Amino acid sequence: MSDVIADQPPGAPDPAAPRPLGVARTPTGDDGVDRTLARLADADHLPAEGHVEVYEDVHGGLRDALTALDVRPAPPGPPR
């Protein structure tokens, strides 16, 4: 039995293969957040069942970035 799909010309891409979603990611200006969001591109090359790990990783990175905003020292106030 042949692995070629009958209605598909030779060399055509596999319609069941993962394809990029083409979702644009706008830079935020924060290098750490931008690196975390860039990880979303990894999902473009994975089957759907692999997306969960990528999304959880990105969610965790963004949550950590937001949490870090709460622990940064406040700017110095006026001298006493």
Protein backbone atom coordinates (compact mmCIF):
# COMPACT_ATOMS: atom_id res chain seq x y z
CA MET A 1 0.00 0.00 0.00
CA SER A 2 1.31 3.46 -0.88
CA ASP A 3 1.80 6.27 1.64
CA VAL A 4 0.87 8.87 -1.01
CA ILE A 5 -2.57 10.43 -0.66
CA ALA A 6 -4.45 9.88 -3.93
CA ASP A 7 -5.63 13.48 -4.44
CA GLN A 8 -2.32 15.06 -3.49
CA PRO A 9 0.43 15.83 -6.03
CA PRO A 10 3.93 14.54 -5.29
CA GLY A 11 5.92 16.93 -3.10
CA ALA A 12 2.81 18.68 -1.76
CA PRO A 13 2.82 19.47 1.97
CA ASP A 14 1.07 17.01 4.25
CA PRO A 15 -2.33 18.56 5.11
CA ALA A 16 -2.20 16.89 8.53
CA ALA A 17 1.20 18.37 9.41
CA PRO A 18 1.39 21.24 11.93
CA ARG A 19 1.19 24.67 10.29
CA PRO A 20 2.01 28.07 11.78
CA LEU A 21 -1.06 29.98 12.91
CA GLY A 22 0.41 33.25 11.69
CA VAL A 23 -0.48 35.13 14.87
CA ALA A 24 1.61 38.29 15.12
CA ARG A 25 3.33 39.08 18.40
CA THR A 26 3.89 42.77 18.99
CA PRO A 27 7.02 43.59 21.02
CA THR A 28 6.22 44.86 24.50
CA GLY A 29 9.48 46.67 25.15
CA ASP A 30 10.32 44.35 28.05
CA ASP A 31 13.05 41.92 26.96
CA GLY A 32 12.02 39.19 29.40
CA VAL A 33 8.36 39.33 28.41
CA ASP A 34 9.25 39.43 24.71
CA ARG A 35 11.48 36.35 25.09
CA THR A 36 8.68 34.55 26.92
CA LEU A 37 6.14 35.44 24.23
CA ALA A 38 8.57 34.36 21.51
CA ARG A 39 8.25 30.84 22.95
CA LEU A 40 4.73 30.77 21.49
CA ALA A 41 6.33 30.25 18.06
CA ASP A 42 7.37 26.77 19.25
CA ALA A 43 3.71 25.74 19.13
CA ASP A 44 3.69 26.39 15.38
CA HIS A 45 5.86 23.31 14.83
CA LEU A 46 4.12 20.94 17.23
CA PRO A 47 1.00 18.85 16.94
CA ALA A 48 -1.93 20.11 19.01
CA GLU A 49 -1.16 17.83 21.96
CA GLY A 50 2.25 19.56 22.30
CA HIS A 51 0.72 23.03 22.59
CA VAL A 52 -0.29 22.64 26.23
CA GLU A 53 3.31 22.45 27.44
CA VAL A 54 4.24 25.58 25.47
CA TYR A 55 1.20 27.53 26.69
CA GLU A 56 1.81 26.51 30.30
CA ASP A 57 5.45 27.55 30.03
CA VAL A 58 4.52 30.95 28.56
CA HIS A 59 1.77 31.44 31.15
CA GLY A 60 4.22 30.67 33.96
CA GLY A 61 6.80 33.08 32.54
CA LEU A 62 4.26 35.89 32.23
CA ARG A 63 2.95 35.21 35.73
CA ASP A 64 6.52 35.40 37.07
CA ALA A 65 7.07 38.71 35.25
CA LEU A 66 3.91 40.16 36.80
CA THR A 67 4.84 38.87 40.25
CA ALA A 68 8.28 40.47 39.91
CA LEU A 69 6.59 43.86 39.48
CA ASP A 70 5.28 43.56 43.03
CA VAL A 71 8.68 42.90 44.58
CA ARG A 72 10.71 45.63 42.91
CA PRO A 73 11.82 48.32 45.32
CA ALA A 74 9.93 51.58 45.10
CA PRO A 75 11.80 54.57 43.73
CA PRO A 76 13.53 56.64 46.39
CA GLY A 77 11.34 59.27 47.98
CA PRO A 78 12.31 62.73 49.11
CA PRO A 79 15.11 62.88 51.69
CA ARG A 80 14.03 63.09 55.32
